[in-house]
C-alpha atoms as a PDB file:
ATOM      1  CA  MET A   1       0.000   0.000   0.000  1.00  0.00           C
ATOM      2  CA  SER A   2       1.452   3.338  -0.966  1.00  0.00           C
ATOM      3  CA  PHE A   3       1.581   6.351   1.307  1.00  0.00           C
ATOM      4  CA  LEU A   4      -1.106   8.201  -0.646  1.00  0.00           C
ATOM      5  CA  THR A   5      -3.755   5.489  -0.222  1.00  0.00           C
ATOM      6  CA  PRO A   6      -4.155   5.736   3.574  1.00  0.00           C
ATOM      7  CA  LEU A   7      -3.826   9.502   3.330  1.00  0.00           C
ATOM      8  CA  ALA A   8      -6.678   9.669   0.828  1.00  0.00           C
ATOM      9  CA  LEU A   9      -8.794   7.327   2.952  1.00  0.00           C
ATOM     10  CA  SER A  10      -8.187   9.478   6.031  1.00  0.00           C
ATOM     11  CA  PHE A  11      -9.225  12.672   4.274  1.00  0.00           C
ATOM     12  CA  ASN A  12     -12.286  10.894   2.862  1.00  0.00           C
ATOM     13  CA  ASN A  13     -13.229   9.742   6.371  1.00  0.00           C
ATOM     14  CA  LEU A  14     -12.826  13.279   7.749  1.00  0.00           C
ATOM     15  CA  ARG A  15     -14.894  14.709   4.910  1.00  0.00           C
ATOM     16  CA  THR A  16     -17.765  12.234   5.253  1.00  0.00           C
ATOM     17  CA  LYS A  17     -17.965  12.418   9.076  1.00  0.00           C
ATOM     18  CA  LYS A  18     -17.779  16.180   9.562  1.00  0.00           C
ATOM     19  CA  GLY A  19     -20.000  16.291  12.656  1.00  0.00           C
ATOM     20  CA  ARG A  20     -17.952  13.765  14.601  1.00  0.00           C
ATOM     21  CA  THR A  21     -14.711  15.413  13.496  1.00  0.00           C
ATOM     22  CA  ILE A  22     -15.902  18.853  14.634  1.00  0.00           C
ATOM     23  CA  LEU A  23     -17.156  17.501  17.981  1.00  0.00           C
ATOM     24  CA  THR A  24     -13.863  15.704  18.598  1.00  0.00           C
ATOM     25  CA  ALA A  25     -11.857  18.838  17.786  1.00  0.00           C
ATOM     26  CA  LEU A  26     -14.139  20.914  20.026  1.00  0.00           C
ATOM     27  CA  ALA A  27     -13.823  18.473  22.927  1.00  0.00           C
ATOM     28  CA  GLY A  28     -10.039  18.428  22.587  1.00  0.00           C
ATOM     29  CA  SER A  29      -9.928  22.218  22.528  1.00  0.00           C
ATOM     30  CA  ILE A  30     -12.100  22.460  25.638  1.00  0.00           C
ATOM     31  CA  GLY A  31      -9.822  19.999  27.432  1.00  0.00           C
ATOM     32  CA  ILE A  32      -6.651  21.873  26.511  1.00  0.00           C
ATOM     33  CA  ILE A  33      -8.181  25.239  27.451  1.00  0.00           C
ATOM     34  CA  GLY A  34      -9.378  23.788  30.774  1.00  0.00           C
ATOM     35  CA  ILE A  35      -5.914  22.514  31.652  1.00  0.00           C
ATOM     36  CA  ALA A  36      -4.381  25.891  30.737  1.00  0.00           C
ATOM     37  CA  LEU A  37      -6.907  27.704  32.936  1.00  0.00           C
ATOM     38  CA  ILE A  38      -6.253  25.448  35.920  1.00  0.00           C
ATOM     39  CA  LEU A  39      -2.484  25.861  35.570  1.00  0.00           C
ATOM     40  CA  SER A  40      -2.731  29.649  35.276  1.00  0.00           C
ATOM     41  CA  LEU A  41      -5.066  29.825  38.272  1.00  0.00           C
ATOM     42  CA  ALA A  42      -2.695  27.690  40.358  1.00  0.00           C
ATOM     43  CA  ASN A  43       0.251  29.867  39.310  1.00  0.00           C
ATOM     44  CA  GLY A  44      -1.622  33.047  40.263  1.00  0.00           C
ATOM     45  CA  VAL A  45      -2.651  31.673  43.658  1.00  0.00           C
ATOM     46  CA  ASN A  46       0.919  30.558  44.389  1.00  0.00           C
ATOM     47  CA  ARG A  47       2.251  34.025  43.517  1.00  0.00           C
ATOM     48  CA  TYR A  48      -0.416  35.675  45.675  1.00  0.00           C
ATOM     49  CA  ILE A  49       0.483  33.463  48.649  1.00  0.00           C
ATOM     50  CA  ALA A  50       4.201  34.202  48.155  1.00  0.00           C
ATOM     51  CA  ASP A  51       3.483  37.966  48.088  1.00  0.00           C
ATOM     52  CA  ILE A  52       1.393  37.762  51.265  1.00  0.00           C
ATOM     53  CA  GLN A  53       4.136  35.783  53.012  1.00  0.00           C
ATOM     54  CA  ARG A  54       6.800  38.246  51.876  1.00  0.00           C
ATOM     55  CA  ASN A  55       4.760  41.252  53.053  1.00  0.00           C
ATOM     56  CA  THR A  56       4.004  39.599  56.383  1.00  0.00           C
ATOM     57  CA  MET A  57       7.643  38.753  57.024  1.00  0.00           C
ATOM     58  CA  THR A  58       8.764  42.321  56.283  1.00  0.00           C
ATOM     59  CA  SER A  59       6.256  43.635  58.820  1.00  0.00           C
ATOM     60  CA  TYR A  60       7.479  41.275  61.533  1.00  0.00           C
ATOM     61  CA  PRO A  61      11.215  40.742  61.048  1.00  0.00           C
ATOM     62  CA  ILE A  62      12.880  37.885  62.859  1.00  0.00           C
ATOM     63  CA  THR A  63      15.884  38.851  64.952  1.00  0.00           C
ATOM     64  CA  ILE A  64      18.293  36.379  66.486  1.00  0.00           C
ATOM     65  CA  SER A  65      20.308  37.461  69.487  1.00  0.00           C
ATOM     66  CA  THR A  66      22.794  35.646  71.633  1.00  0.00           C
END
């Protein structure tokens, strides 16, 4: 079987089953966007917590004396 035969069959399958192809692409996009949103939210929360900790520690410095 040549390389063009499966390629032509794949494009024919995509063309004949447009609804399923569009739904699959949409579901994949929603999944990727969801993961990106969760990661960005986690990154923002971690930065916010680090800022709060930094501001709190500058207000109450720790001193060590002998």
